[in-house]
Amino acid sequence: IGIAMIITNYQYNIGCFVFMLRATTKK
């Protein structure tokens, strides 16, 4: 369960990072 939570958090953080990166790039 611990590993699954870490992987989920990792993917969630990457998704937020990519979203912010694209938002700043569009400007």
N, C-alpha and C. Protein backbone atom coordinates (compact mmCIF):
# COMPACT_ATOMS: atom_id res chain seq x y z
N ILE A 1 0.85 -1.20 0.00
CA ILE A 1 0.00 0.00 0.00
C ILE A 1 0.89 1.26 0.00
N GLY A 2 1.95 1.25 0.78
CA GLY A 2 2.84 2.40 0.86
C GLY A 2 3.42 2.76 -0.51
N ILE A 3 3.89 1.71 -1.22
CA ILE A 3 4.48 1.96 -2.55
C ILE A 3 3.42 2.51 -3.50
N ALA A 4 2.23 1.95 -3.43
CA ALA A 4 1.15 2.41 -4.33
C ALA A 4 0.85 3.89 -4.07
N MET A 5 0.85 4.28 -2.80
CA MET A 5 0.58 5.68 -2.46
C MET A 5 1.68 6.58 -3.01
N ILE A 6 2.93 6.15 -2.88
CA ILE A 6 4.06 6.94 -3.39
C ILE A 6 3.95 7.10 -4.91
N ILE A 7 3.63 6.01 -5.61
CA ILE A 7 3.50 6.07 -7.07
C ILE A 7 2.36 7.01 -7.46
N THR A 8 1.25 6.93 -6.74
CA THR A 8 0.11 7.79 -7.05
C THR A 8 0.48 9.25 -6.84
N ASN A 9 1.13 9.54 -5.72
CA ASN A 9 1.55 10.92 -5.44
C ASN A 9 2.54 11.38 -6.50
N TYR A 10 3.47 10.51 -6.92
CA TYR A 10 4.46 10.87 -7.93
C TYR A 10 3.78 11.24 -9.24
N GLN A 11 2.84 10.40 -9.69
CA GLN A 11 2.13 10.67 -10.94
C GLN A 11 1.30 11.94 -10.82
N TYR A 12 0.69 12.18 -9.67
CA TYR A 12 -0.13 13.38 -9.45
C TYR A 12 0.76 14.62 -9.51
N ASN A 13 1.92 14.56 -8.87
CA ASN A 13 2.84 15.71 -8.87
C ASN A 13 3.34 15.99 -10.29
N ILE A 14 3.65 14.93 -11.05
CA ILE A 14 4.12 15.11 -12.42
C ILE A 14 3.01 15.75 -13.26
N GLY A 15 1.77 15.31 -13.05
CA GLY A 15 0.64 15.85 -13.80
C GLY A 15 0.48 17.34 -13.53
N CYS A 16 0.60 17.73 -12.27
CA CYS A 16 0.48 19.15 -11.91
C CYS A 16 1.63 19.94 -12.52
N PHE A 17 2.83 19.38 -12.47
CA PHE A 17 4.01 20.05 -13.02
C PHE A 17 3.85 20.27 -14.52
N VAL A 18 3.41 19.24 -15.24
CA VAL A 18 3.22 19.35 -16.69
C VAL A 18 2.13 20.36 -16.99
N PHE A 19 1.06 20.36 -16.20
CA PHE A 19 -0.04 21.29 -16.41
C PHE A 19 0.45 22.73 -16.25
N MET A 20 1.20 22.99 -15.19
CA MET A 20 1.73 24.34 -14.95
C MET A 20 2.72 24.72 -16.05
N LEU A 21 3.54 23.76 -16.47
CA LEU A 21 4.53 24.03 -17.50
C LEU A 21 3.85 24.42 -18.80
N ARG A 22 2.80 23.69 -19.18
CA ARG A 22 2.07 24.01 -20.41
C ARG A 22 1.38 25.36 -20.29
N ALA A 23 0.84 25.65 -19.11
CA ALA A 23 0.14 26.92 -18.90
C ALA A 23 1.10 28.09 -19.08
N THR A 24 2.31 27.95 -18.56
CA THR A 24 3.28 29.04 -18.68
C THR A 24 3.83 29.11 -20.10
N THR A 25 3.91 27.97 -20.77
CA THR A 25 4.45 27.96 -22.14
C THR A 25 3.47 28.62 -23.11
N LYS A 26 2.17 28.44 -22.89
CA LYS A 26 1.17 29.02 -23.79
C LYS A 26 1.26 30.55 -23.77
N LYS A 27 1.69 31.13 -22.64
CA LYS A 27 1.84 32.58 -22.55
C LYS A 27 3.03 33.00 -23.40
